[in-house]
């Protein structure tokens, strides 16, 4: 007898989204190799993965980094998945995926409006898949192309509907959906000649099968074993079918303030400019727009005529010099720096780094240290860089266990993450200065780690209570010079503590001193303190350069680094 399986509640819906991301990573190369329609640009798997990542990130943000949603929030999680996918959709397949998730969101929202909705049953899932069919067709201009993901989705919806009508369990319905999807997928070459010519099944349909199998595994714990679909061998002397050249660019953007009539006009205009036109409707007069064209500027201008644009992405439809699949990652490598303070964010961003700010803000920015970044925040920031390889500078704002968890999760999601051991923003600046995106990631990481490790660093704080330190007893208001988590200088004020710490850090020499001024230093005091330190360096350490920045970080009054 079949077991009923797990309920498809809010927690299971999020677990399913995690499973889809993981399974798409596993099958990304297989799906990409199958991609010949509508454009043979080998990016369907990458686009579906990127879109599902965006959906999952939004659902996790809504649910919270650690706490799952209650069972009554299934419609809220479904809406978050839909919203994240629409805003982060990549490529034609990403737009279609967003509409499948929107189908789930629409049906669950409607059901929740009529009363409590603890979970999605077989009848609701059938309605959601049918709604997805309608939305996908509408986004493609109202015409269904047989032999595509729509054919596979339609077969899955019919199978779930049949199980629901027969009173079968959700687990049985999901299993039937996967089996029906396989049959429909293997028929796609019979329905679409371009697939037959290439000897492949539809790439989007294969991606949908991954999603359905992930749902079965989430609800029943049973992993489906499927064939690996590869392009069929072609005769050595066979010639590629003639056809018009493929468009050069893929253009995507979000469109708001646009009514249905203007959207139809835009669709007609984009059809004149190119092909693979998809306009997916969202809530409150907004749309996700996609087109392949040779005239990217005209495609953007057409959108401006229809409403307000945001998230404009223009990418080449062929792999670039970095060898990345078109539509997957936007660049090969990025640096993600965790920083605190407006000035610090501006400084690191100006040096080319992506920035992650700890939060939420402390109620007293002058005395409270910045809170640590969580693994969830780190993973999301890594993905948001859009890079295939990410060098992470924690800068003392990420606890070791959170750093390990976040980097491990990002690695599992297909991002090559290299954490660089920086314990302070001054070490982060030293590492960033030697970053070389043209070198191998392992070489780049090693060079950055060496630079960070060679930068001696410390901080200056104001004592808040009487205490015994390695440097003697301190009183409230004293300046404390700290290095290696130990108080090494106790002085009457911040300036004296800073001078004492500078002398200690420069005892073995140094070419460059970097001083970062925190939020506790008043604007009117920054110049005076900077001049004092400059004079001391001139008198006691000639030949060593001093640079200062107003970073506005919380906690430490000053951060000092020596290279």
Protein backbone atom coordinates (compact mmCIF):
# COMPACT_ATOMS: atom_id res chain seq x y z
CA UNK A 1 0.00 0.00 0.00
CA UNK A 2 1.34 3.47 -0.91
CA UNK A 3 2.13 5.76 2.00
CA UNK A 4 0.41 9.16 1.92
CA UNK A 5 3.74 11.01 1.99
CA UNK A 6 4.51 14.44 3.37
CA UNK A 7 2.09 17.35 3.23
CA UNK A 8 2.96 20.06 0.70
CA UNK A 9 2.85 22.82 3.30
CA UNK A 10 5.00 25.95 3.54
CA UNK A 11 8.02 24.09 4.87
CA UNK A 12 7.80 21.39 2.19
CA UNK A 13 7.37 24.03 -0.52
CA UNK A 14 10.63 25.68 0.53
CA UNK A 15 12.36 22.30 0.80
CA UNK A 16 11.17 21.55 -2.74
CA UNK A 17 12.66 24.81 -4.00
CA UNK A 18 15.99 23.91 -2.36
CA UNK A 19 15.84 20.47 -3.97
CA UNK A 20 15.11 21.96 -7.40
CA UNK A 21 18.17 24.22 -7.15
CA UNK A 22 20.35 21.29 -6.11
CA UNK A 23 19.02 18.99 -8.83
CA UNK A 24 19.29 21.63 -11.55
CA UNK A 25 22.96 22.01 -10.63
CA UNK A 26 23.36 18.26 -11.11
CA UNK A 27 21.61 18.29 -14.51
CA UNK A 28 22.70 21.70 -15.80
CA UNK A 29 25.17 20.36 -18.37
CA UNK A 30 22.70 17.76 -19.64
CA UNK A 31 19.96 20.36 -20.07
CA UNK A 32 22.31 22.85 -21.72
CA UNK A 33 23.42 20.26 -24.28
CA UNK A 34 19.78 19.68 -25.27
CA UNK A 35 19.12 23.37 -25.88
CA UNK A 36 18.42 23.96 -29.60
CA UNK A 37 15.04 25.74 -29.44
CA UNK A 38 14.20 28.57 -29.79
CA UNK A 39 17.92 29.43 -30.03
CA UNK A 40 20.76 26.91 -29.79
CA UNK A 41 22.70 28.90 -27.18
CA UNK A 42 23.20 26.13 -24.60
CA UNK A 43 21.86 28.11 -21.67
CA UNK A 44 18.46 26.63 -20.76
CA UNK A 45 19.82 24.77 -17.74
CA UNK A 46 21.79 27.78 -16.54
CA UNK A 47 18.80 30.11 -16.98
CA UNK A 48 16.43 27.81 -15.11
CA UNK A 49 18.98 27.41 -12.31
CA UNK A 50 19.58 31.15 -12.01
CA UNK A 51 15.83 31.86 -11.98
CA UNK A 52 15.14 29.19 -9.36
CA UNK A 53 17.96 30.55 -7.23
CA UNK A 54 16.28 33.95 -7.29
CA UNK A 55 12.96 32.36 -6.35
CA UNK A 56 14.49 30.46 -3.45
CA UNK A 57 16.36 33.51 -2.18
CA UNK A 58 13.09 35.47 -2.03
CA UNK A 59 11.29 32.64 -0.23
CA UNK A 60 14.12 32.29 2.28
CA UNK A 61 14.12 36.04 2.86
CA UNK A 62 10.39 36.00 3.56
CA UNK A 63 10.61 32.98 5.83
CA UNK A 64 13.67 34.21 7.71
CA UNK A 65 17.22 32.96 7.77
CA UNK A 66 16.62 30.24 10.36
CA UNK A 67 12.95 29.90 11.18
CA UNK A 68 10.61 28.12 8.78
CA UNK A 69 7.18 29.46 7.99
CA UNK A 70 4.19 28.01 9.75
CA UNK A 71 1.89 25.67 7.87
CA UNK A 72 -0.58 28.47 7.35
CA UNK A 73 1.93 30.44 5.27
CA UNK A 74 1.96 28.16 2.22
CA UNK A 75 0.38 30.86 0.05
CA UNK A 76 2.94 33.38 1.31
CA UNK A 77 5.85 31.10 0.39
CA UNK A 78 4.31 30.38 -3.02
CA UNK A 79 3.95 34.10 -3.65
CA UNK A 80 7.57 34.70 -2.63
CA UNK A 81 8.79 31.99 -5.02
CA UNK A 82 6.75 33.53 -7.82
CA UNK A 83 7.93 37.07 -7.10
CA UNK A 84 11.58 36.07 -6.81
CA UNK A 85 11.45 34.10 -10.06
CA UNK A 86 9.77 36.92 -11.96
CA UNK A 87 12.28 39.52 -10.73
CA UNK A 88 15.26 37.25 -11.30
CA UNK A 89 14.13 35.46 -14.47
CA UNK A 90 16.92 34.67 -16.91
CA UNK A 91 16.25 33.88 -20.53
CA UNK A 92 13.18 32.50 -22.23
CA UNK A 93 13.20 29.40 -20.02
CA UNK A 94 13.47 31.55 -16.90
CA UNK A 95 10.38 33.52 -17.86
CA UNK A 96 8.48 30.26 -18.43
CA UNK A 97 9.64 28.91 -15.08
CA UNK A 98 8.44 32.08 -13.37
CA UNK A 99 4.98 31.56 -14.85
CA UNK A 100 4.81 27.96 -13.59
CA UNK A 101 5.60 29.23 -10.09
CA UNK A 102 3.08 32.03 -10.54
CA UNK A 103 0.46 29.39 -11.32
CA UNK A 104 1.10 27.86 -7.88
CA UNK A 105 0.98 31.30 -6.27
CA UNK A 106 -2.29 32.30 -7.96
CA UNK A 107 -4.12 29.11 -7.01
CA UNK A 108 -2.90 29.03 -3.41
CA UNK A 109 -3.72 32.72 -2.94
CA UNK A 110 -7.24 32.11 -4.21
CA UNK A 111 -7.68 29.08 -1.95
CA UNK A 112 -6.29 30.94 1.07
CA UNK A 113 -8.72 33.79 0.47
CA UNK A 114 -11.59 31.36 1.07
CA UNK A 115 -10.19 30.20 4.43
CA UNK A 116 -7.19 28.60 6.09
CA UNK A 117 -4.90 26.75 3.69
CA UNK A 118 -2.56 24.44 5.64
CA UNK A 119 -1.24 22.62 2.56
CA UNK A 120 -1.61 22.02 -1.17
CA UNK A 121 -3.52 18.85 -2.07
CA UNK A 122 -3.76 16.99 -5.38
CA UNK A 123 -6.73 19.05 -6.60
CA UNK A 124 -4.96 22.34 -5.87
CA UNK A 125 -1.75 21.12 -7.50
CA UNK A 126 -3.68 20.16 -10.63
CA UNK A 127 -5.29 23.60 -10.72
CA UNK A 128 -1.89 25.23 -10.21
CA UNK A 129 -0.32 23.32 -13.09
CA UNK A 130 -3.24 24.10 -15.39
CA UNK A 131 -2.96 27.75 -14.40
CA UNK A 132 0.74 27.54 -15.25
CA UNK A 133 -0.11 26.19 -18.71
CA UNK A 134 -2.38 29.16 -19.38
CA UNK A 135 0.16 31.70 -18.08
CA UNK A 136 3.04 30.26 -20.08
CA UNK A 137 1.02 30.31 -23.29
CA UNK A 138 -0.13 33.87 -22.59
CA UNK A 139 3.45 35.00 -21.98
CA UNK A 140 4.44 33.61 -25.38
CA UNK A 141 1.77 35.57 -27.18
CA UNK A 142 -1.16 33.17 -26.86
CA UNK A 143 0.12 30.53 -29.27
CA UNK A 144 1.24 27.13 -28.02
CA UNK A 145 4.18 25.49 -29.76
CA UNK A 146 3.85 21.72 -29.48
CA UNK A 147 6.94 19.79 -28.49
CA UNK A 148 8.13 22.33 -25.92
CA UNK A 149 7.96 22.59 -22.14
CA UNK A 150 4.26 23.46 -22.47
CA UNK A 151 3.52 19.99 -23.86
CA UNK A 152 5.32 18.38 -20.92
CA UNK A 153 3.60 20.67 -18.41
CA UNK A 154 0.19 19.92 -19.95
CA UNK A 155 0.80 16.16 -19.62
CA UNK A 156 1.82 16.53 -15.98
CA UNK A 157 -1.24 18.65 -15.19
CA UNK A 158 -3.55 16.10 -16.81
CA UNK A 159 -1.99 13.27 -14.79
CA UNK A 160 -2.39 15.12 -11.50
CA UNK A 161 -5.96 16.05 -12.41
CA UNK A 162 -6.80 12.42 -13.12
CA UNK A 163 -5.39 11.32 -9.76
CA UNK A 164 -7.25 14.10 -7.93
CA UNK A 165 -10.55 13.12 -9.59
CA UNK A 166 -9.95 9.52 -8.54
CA UNK A 167 -9.36 10.52 -4.92
CA UNK A 168 -5.71 9.44 -4.91
CA UNK A 169 -3.09 10.95 -2.60
CA UNK A 170 -0.84 13.87 -3.47
CA UNK A 171 2.17 11.54 -3.43
CA UNK A 172 0.48 9.31 -6.01
CA UNK A 173 -0.45 12.34 -8.11
CA UNK A 174 3.10 13.71 -8.09
CA UNK A 175 4.50 10.31 -9.05
CA UNK A 176 2.02 10.10 -11.92
CA UNK A 177 2.96 13.61 -13.02
CA UNK A 178 6.61 12.66 -13.36
CA UNK A 179 5.80 9.49 -15.30
CA UNK A 180 3.49 11.38 -17.66
CA UNK A 181 6.13 14.08 -18.12
CA UNK A 182 8.67 11.47 -19.24
CA UNK A 183 6.29 10.15 -21.90
CA UNK A 184 5.53 13.67 -23.13
CA UNK A 185 9.20 14.65 -23.09
CA UNK A 186 10.23 11.70 -25.25
CA UNK A 187 7.53 12.63 -27.77
CA UNK A 188 8.81 16.20 -28.21
CA UNK A 189 11.12 15.35 -31.16
CA UNK A 190 8.07 14.01 -32.99
CA UNK A 191 6.28 17.32 -32.50
CA UNK A 192 9.02 19.84 -33.23
CA UNK A 193 11.23 19.25 -36.28
CA UNK A 194 14.15 21.28 -34.97
CA UNK A 195 14.44 18.82 -32.08
CA UNK A 196 14.28 15.86 -34.45
CA UNK A 197 16.94 17.38 -36.66
CA UNK A 198 19.26 17.80 -33.68
CA UNK A 199 18.39 14.42 -32.16
CA UNK A 200 17.34 15.86 -28.78
CA UNK A 201 14.33 16.15 -26.51
CA UNK A 202 13.17 19.60 -25.43
CA UNK A 203 15.60 21.17 -22.95
CA UNK A 204 12.91 23.09 -21.05
CA UNK A 205 10.81 19.94 -20.76
CA UNK A 206 13.83 18.12 -19.31
CA UNK A 207 14.21 20.92 -16.76
CA UNK A 208 10.54 20.62 -15.82
CA UNK A 209 11.02 16.88 -15.27
CA UNK A 210 13.83 17.71 -12.84
CA UNK A 211 11.41 19.95 -10.94
CA UNK A 212 8.69 17.29 -10.81
CA UNK A 213 11.14 14.62 -9.66
CA UNK A 214 12.39 16.98 -6.95
CA UNK A 215 8.80 17.40 -5.76
CA UNK A 216 8.35 13.65 -5.58
CA UNK A 217 11.58 13.27 -3.60
CA UNK A 218 10.54 16.06 -1.22
CA UNK A 219 7.14 14.52 -0.50
CA UNK A 220 7.96 10.80 -0.52
CA UNK A 221 11.71 10.52 -0.04
CA UNK A 222 11.85 8.47 -3.25
CA UNK A 223 14.39 9.56 -5.85
CA UNK A 224 13.37 8.89 -9.44
CA UNK A 225 15.93 7.25 -11.74
CA UNK A 226 15.80 8.78 -15.21
CA UNK A 227 17.69 8.28 -18.41
CA UNK A 228 20.42 10.76 -19.28
CA UNK A 229 19.24 12.53 -22.43
CA UNK A 230 22.04 13.24 -24.87
CA UNK A 231 21.97 14.57 -28.44
CA UNK A 232 21.82 11.66 -30.87
CA UNK A 233 24.96 11.09 -32.98
CA UNK A 234 24.72 12.72 -36.40
CA UNK A 235 26.29 11.52 -39.69
CA UNK A 236 29.76 12.93 -40.25
CA UNK A 237 28.79 14.39 -43.63
CA UNK A 238 25.51 15.86 -42.49
CA UNK A 239 25.17 19.58 -43.01
CA UNK A 240 23.46 21.93 -40.62
CA UNK A 241 20.09 23.10 -41.89
CA UNK A 242 20.15 26.52 -43.47
CA UNK A 243 18.35 29.34 -41.75
CA UNK A 244 18.61 32.99 -40.93
CA UNK A 245 21.45 34.04 -38.59
CA UNK A 246 20.65 33.90 -34.90
CA UNK A 247 20.09 37.26 -33.17
CA UNK A 248 23.10 38.76 -31.42
CA UNK A 249 21.55 39.85 -28.13
CA UNK A 250 19.19 38.72 -25.41
CA UNK A 251 17.35 41.64 -23.81
CA UNK A 252 15.40 41.39 -20.58
CA UNK A 253 13.84 43.96 -18.27
CA UNK A 254 11.05 44.51 -15.78
CA UNK A 255 8.27 46.81 -16.99
CA UNK A 256 5.92 48.65 -14.64
CA UNK A 257 3.11 51.15 -15.12
CA UNK A 258 1.94 49.35 -18.24
CA UNK A 259 -1.62 48.25 -19.02
CA UNK A 260 -2.61 45.19 -21.08
CA UNK A 261 -3.10 47.17 -24.29
CA UNK A 262 0.36 48.71 -24.06
CA UNK A 263 1.83 45.28 -23.33
CA UNK A 264 0.22 43.92 -26.50
CA UNK A 265 1.61 46.83 -28.49
CA UNK A 266 5.05 46.17 -27.03
CA UNK A 267 4.79 42.48 -27.95
CA UNK A 268 4.04 43.38 -31.58
CA UNK A 269 6.96 45.80 -31.69
CA UNK A 270 9.40 43.29 -30.19
CA UNK A 271 8.23 40.65 -32.66
CA UNK A 272 9.30 43.05 -35.44
CA UNK A 273 12.71 43.47 -33.81
CA UNK A 274 13.50 39.83 -33.08
CA UNK A 275 12.12 36.52 -31.83
CA UNK A 276 11.66 34.49 -28.62
CA UNK A 277 9.40 37.26 -27.35
CA UNK A 278 8.00 36.60 -23.88
CA UNK A 279 6.02 39.08 -21.79
CA UNK A 280 4.98 37.58 -18.47
CA UNK A 281 2.42 39.48 -16.42
CA UNK A 282 2.87 39.99 -12.69
CA UNK A 283 0.77 41.86 -10.15
CA UNK A 284 -0.15 45.55 -10.34
CA UNK A 285 0.55 46.30 -13.99
CA UNK A 286 4.08 44.93 -14.14
CA UNK A 287 5.68 42.53 -16.62
CA UNK A 288 8.88 40.57 -17.19
CA UNK A 289 9.98 41.13 -20.79
CA UNK A 290 12.32 38.97 -22.89
CA UNK A 291 13.42 39.10 -26.54
CA UNK A 292 16.26 37.94 -28.79
CA UNK A 293 17.25 40.71 -31.20
CA UNK A 294 20.04 42.34 -33.18
CA UNK A 295 18.91 45.80 -32.04
CA UNK A 296 19.09 45.84 -28.25
CA UNK A 297 18.69 49.61 -28.09
CA UNK A 298 15.43 49.53 -30.01
CA UNK A 299 14.11 46.77 -27.74
CA UNK A 300 14.82 48.93 -24.69
CA UNK A 301 13.30 52.02 -26.34
CA UNK A 302 10.15 50.04 -27.08
CA UNK A 303 9.88 49.22 -23.38
CA UNK A 304 10.39 52.86 -22.39
CA UNK A 305 7.49 53.80 -24.63
CA UNK A 306 5.28 51.32 -22.78
CA UNK A 307 6.17 52.13 -19.16
CA UNK A 308 9.00 52.35 -16.62
CA UNK A 309 11.95 49.96 -16.93
CA UNK A 310 14.21 48.41 -14.31
CA UNK A 311 16.64 45.46 -14.08
CA UNK A 312 17.68 45.88 -17.71
CA UNK A 313 19.98 43.03 -18.79
CA UNK A 314 21.56 42.88 -22.25
CA UNK A 315 23.82 39.92 -22.97
CA UNK A 316 25.41 38.32 -26.00
CA UNK A 317 23.74 35.12 -27.14
CA UNK A 318 27.06 33.40 -27.77
CA UNK A 319 29.62 32.51 -25.13
CA UNK A 320 31.95 35.36 -24.39
CA UNK A 321 35.70 35.35 -24.10
CA UNK A 322 35.42 34.02 -20.57
CA UNK A 323 33.76 30.85 -21.86
CA UNK A 324 30.65 31.22 -19.71
CA UNK A 325 27.36 30.00 -21.13
CA UNK A 326 25.28 32.89 -22.42
CA UNK A 327 22.66 33.93 -19.89
CA UNK A 328 24.26 32.15 -16.93
CA UNK A 329 26.82 34.15 -14.95
CA UNK A 330 27.37 37.77 -15.85
CA UNK A 331 31.11 37.57 -15.12
CA UNK A 332 33.84 35.12 -14.29
CA UNK A 333 34.98 36.40 -10.88
CA UNK A 334 33.98 38.92 -8.24
CA UNK A 335 35.13 40.00 -4.79
CA UNK A 336 32.50 40.17 -2.03
CA UNK A 337 33.56 42.32 0.92
CA UNK A 338 31.64 42.41 4.19
CA UNK A 339 31.94 45.99 5.47
CA UNK A 340 30.33 48.32 7.98
CA UNK A 341 29.67 52.01 7.50
CA UNK A 342 28.66 54.14 4.53
CA UNK A 343 32.21 55.30 3.92
CA UNK A 344 33.50 51.73 3.97
CA UNK A 345 30.87 50.62 1.48
CA UNK A 346 31.84 53.47 -0.84
CA UNK A 347 35.56 52.75 -0.41
CA UNK A 348 35.37 49.02 -1.17
CA UNK A 349 32.88 49.47 -4.01
CA UNK A 350 35.18 52.08 -5.51
CA UNK A 351 37.91 49.45 -5.58
CA UNK A 352 35.65 47.10 -7.55
CA UNK A 353 34.26 44.89 -4.78
CA UNK A 354 30.65 43.89 -4.25
CA UNK A 355 29.57 44.91 -0.75
CA UNK A 356 27.57 43.16 1.97
CA UNK A 357 26.57 45.28 4.98
CA UNK A 358 25.95 43.73 8.42
CA UNK A 359 22.53 44.49 9.80
CA UNK A 360 20.14 45.43 11.16
CA UNK A 361 21.65 48.69 12.35
CA UNK A 362 22.49 48.96 16.02
CA UNK A 363 20.52 51.48 18.04
CA UNK A 364 23.76 53.19 19.11
CA UNK A 365 26.15 53.09 16.16
CA UNK A 366 28.94 54.75 18.09
CA UNK A 367 29.23 52.12 20.82
CA UNK A 368 27.62 48.92 19.55
CA UNK A 369 29.71 46.67 17.31
CA UNK A 370 28.21 45.65 13.99
CA UNK A 371 26.28 42.35 14.20
CA UNK A 372 27.69 39.33 12.45
CA UNK A 373 26.49 38.37 8.98
CA UNK A 374 24.58 35.07 8.86
CA UNK A 375 25.28 32.19 6.49
CA UNK A 376 21.97 32.88 4.74
CA UNK A 377 22.88 36.53 4.11
CA UNK A 378 26.31 35.48 2.85
CA UNK A 379 24.91 32.92 0.40
CA UNK A 380 22.42 35.37 -1.02
CA UNK A 381 25.11 38.04 -1.45
CA UNK A 382 27.42 35.53 -3.17
CA UNK A 383 24.69 34.60 -5.66
CA UNK A 384 23.79 38.26 -6.21
CA UNK A 385 27.31 39.02 -7.44
CA UNK A 386 26.39 37.13 -10.61
CA UNK A 387 29.89 35.65 -10.76
CA UNK A 388 30.96 32.05 -11.26
CA UNK A 389 33.84 32.55 -8.79
CA UNK A 390 33.64 34.74 -5.68
CA UNK A 391 36.48 35.78 -3.37
CA UNK A 392 34.95 36.52 0.05
CA UNK A 393 36.51 39.06 2.43
CA UNK A 394 34.75 38.54 5.82
CA UNK A 395 36.69 41.41 7.47
CA UNK A 396 35.84 40.26 10.97
CA UNK A 397 32.07 40.52 10.48
CA UNK A 398 31.32 36.84 9.81
CA UNK A 399 31.66 34.21 12.55
CA UNK A 400 33.74 31.20 11.54
CA UNK A 401 30.81 28.77 11.66
CA UNK A 402 28.63 31.11 9.58
CA UNK A 403 31.45 31.61 7.05
CA UNK A 404 31.99 27.87 6.66
CA UNK A 405 28.26 27.18 6.39
CA UNK A 406 27.69 29.99 3.90
CA UNK A 407 30.63 29.11 1.66
CA UNK A 408 29.74 25.41 1.75
CA UNK A 409 26.16 26.17 0.73
CA UNK A 410 27.33 28.44 -2.08
CA UNK A 411 29.70 25.73 -3.33
CA UNK A 412 26.76 23.33 -3.35
CA UNK A 413 24.84 25.80 -5.50
CA UNK A 414 27.53 25.79 -8.16
CA UNK A 415 29.48 28.91 -7.17
CA UNK A 416 33.24 28.54 -6.70
CA UNK A 417 33.79 30.38 -3.40
CA UNK A 418 37.22 31.24 -1.99
CA UNK A 419 37.13 32.72 1.55
CA UNK A 420 40.11 34.99 2.22
CA UNK A 421 41.10 35.17 5.93
CA UNK A 422 40.67 38.90 6.63
CA UNK A 423 40.00 39.77 10.26
CA UNK A 424 39.55 43.50 9.73
CA UNK A 425 38.60 45.92 6.98
CA UNK A 426 42.22 47.12 6.82
CA UNK A 427 43.26 43.55 6.00
CA UNK A 428 40.46 43.42 3.46
CA UNK A 429 41.83 46.53 1.73
CA UNK A 430 45.30 44.96 1.62
CA UNK A 431 43.87 41.81 0.03
CA UNK A 432 41.73 43.76 -2.43
CA UNK A 433 44.76 45.75 -3.58
CA UNK A 434 46.43 42.62 -4.98
CA UNK A 435 43.30 40.98 -6.43
CA UNK A 436 43.96 39.77 -9.98
CA UNK A 437 40.86 38.54 -11.84
CA UNK A 438 43.02 37.32 -14.72
CA UNK A 439 44.84 34.74 -12.61
CA UNK A 440 43.59 31.31 -11.55
CA UNK A 441 41.19 31.48 -8.61
CA UNK A 442 43.50 29.47 -6.37
CA UNK A 443 46.44 31.76 -7.20
CA UNK A 444 44.33 34.86 -6.70
CA UNK A 445 43.08 33.59 -3.34
CA UNK A 446 46.60 32.68 -2.18
CA UNK A 447 48.00 36.09 -3.15
CA UNK A 448 45.14 37.90 -1.44
CA UNK A 449 45.52 35.75 1.70
CA UNK A 450 49.27 36.48 1.84
CA UNK A 451 48.64 40.22 1.56
CA UNK A 452 46.00 40.07 4.30
CA UNK A 453 48.22 38.03 6.59
CA UNK A 454 51.16 40.40 6.10
CA UNK A 455 49.03 43.39 7.15
CA UNK A 456 49.48 43.85 10.91
CA UNK A 457 46.33 45.35 12.33
CA UNK A 458 44.74 46.63 15.51
CA UNK A 459 41.97 48.87 16.77
CA UNK A 460 41.37 51.71 19.20
CA UNK A 461 38.35 51.74 21.50
CA UNK A 462 37.05 53.80 24.40
CA UNK A 463 36.90 51.97 27.74
CA UNK A 464 33.36 51.83 29.13
CA UNK A 465 34.18 50.48 32.61
CA UNK A 466 37.04 49.93 35.00
CA UNK A 467 38.92 46.73 34.18
CA UNK A 468 42.27 44.99 34.49
CA UNK A 469 44.06 44.51 31.14
CA UNK A 470 47.46 43.23 30.02
CA UNK A 471 48.58 46.85 29.88
CA UNK A 472 47.29 47.71 33.35
CA UNK A 473 44.05 48.98 34.80
CA UNK A 474 41.81 51.12 32.61
CA UNK A 475 39.15 53.59 33.69
CA UNK A 476 35.96 54.63 31.84
CA UNK A 477 36.87 57.05 29.06
CA UNK A 478 40.42 55.78 28.58
CA UNK A 479 41.70 55.02 25.13
CA UNK A 480 42.53 51.35 24.53
CA UNK A 481 44.93 50.12 21.86
CA UNK A 482 44.05 46.54 20.92
CA UNK A 483 45.89 43.97 18.79
CA UNK A 484 45.33 40.24 18.64
CA UNK A 485 42.24 40.56 20.86
CA UNK A 486 44.37 41.88 23.71
CA UNK A 487 44.59 45.38 25.17
CA UNK A 488 48.22 46.44 24.71
CA UNK A 489 47.89 50.19 25.28
CA UNK A 490 45.98 52.08 27.97
CA UNK A 491 46.11 55.86 27.51
CA UNK A 492 44.27 58.91 28.69
CA UNK A 493 42.44 59.45 25.43
CA UNK A 494 41.86 58.07 21.94
CA UNK A 495 44.66 60.09 20.33
CA UNK A 496 47.29 58.86 22.79
CA UNK A 497 46.10 55.27 22.44
CA UNK A 498 46.27 55.55 18.64
CA UNK A 499 49.84 56.88 18.75
CA UNK A 500 50.93 54.14 21.15
CA UNK A 501 49.37 51.44 18.99
CA UNK A 502 50.96 52.86 15.85
CA UNK A 503 54.40 52.69 17.48
CA UNK A 504 53.83 49.06 18.46
CA UNK A 505 52.60 47.99 15.03
CA UNK A 506 55.53 49.80 13.35
CA UNK A 507 58.17 48.35 15.67
CA UNK A 508 59.27 45.95 12.91
CA UNK A 509 58.84 48.55 10.15
CA UNK A 510 56.24 49.21 7.50
CA UNK A 511 55.69 51.04 4.24
CA UNK A 512 52.02 51.98 4.50
CA UNK A 513 49.71 52.74 7.42
CA UNK A 514 45.95 52.78 6.88
CA UNK A 515 43.66 54.34 9.50
CA UNK A 516 39.88 54.01 9.27
CA UNK A 517 37.78 56.46 11.31
CA UNK A 518 34.60 55.02 12.80
CA UNK A 519 31.23 56.59 13.57
CA UNK A 520 32.35 57.47 17.11
CA UNK A 521 34.73 60.12 15.75
CA UNK A 522 32.78 63.33 15.26
CA UNK A 523 33.07 64.97 11.86
CA UNK A 524 34.77 68.02 13.35
CA UNK A 525 37.38 65.80 15.08
CA UNK A 526 38.40 63.74 12.04
CA UNK A 527 40.67 66.41 10.56
CA UNK A 528 42.35 67.27 13.87
CA UNK A 529 43.02 63.62 14.75
CA UNK A 530 44.27 62.92 11.24
CA UNK A 531 46.67 65.88 11.43
CA UNK A 532 47.95 64.67 14.81
CA UNK A 533 48.68 61.19 13.47
CA UNK A 534 50.30 62.67 10.35
CA UNK A 535 52.68 64.77 12.44
CA UNK A 536 53.58 61.79 14.62
CA UNK A 537 54.31 59.64 11.58
CA UNK A 538 56.50 62.42 10.11
CA UNK A 539 58.49 62.80 13.31
CA UNK A 540 58.79 59.19 14.49
CA UNK A 541 58.37 57.06 11.35
CA UNK A 542 59.71 59.04 8.37
CA UNK A 543 59.33 57.30 5.04
CA UNK A 544 56.15 55.46 6.02
CA UNK A 545 53.03 56.64 4.18
CA UNK A 546 49.82 57.33 6.11
CA UNK A 547 46.36 57.20 4.50
CA UNK A 548 43.11 57.84 6.35
CA UNK A 549 39.45 57.21 5.47
CA UNK A 550 36.19 58.16 7.15
CA UNK A 551 34.39 54.78 6.98
CA UNK A 552 31.77 55.35 9.70
CA UNK A 553 31.95 51.78 11.04
CA UNK A 554 30.42 50.91 14.39
CA UNK A 555 32.19 49.69 17.53
CA UNK A 556 35.91 50.46 17.24
CA UNK A 557 36.78 54.14 17.12
CA UNK A 558 39.73 53.49 14.80
CA UNK A 559 40.97 50.57 12.74
CA UNK A 560 44.70 50.62 11.97
CA UNK A 561 46.61 48.48 9.48
CA UNK A 562 50.32 48.34 8.63
CA UNK A 563 51.70 46.88 5.39
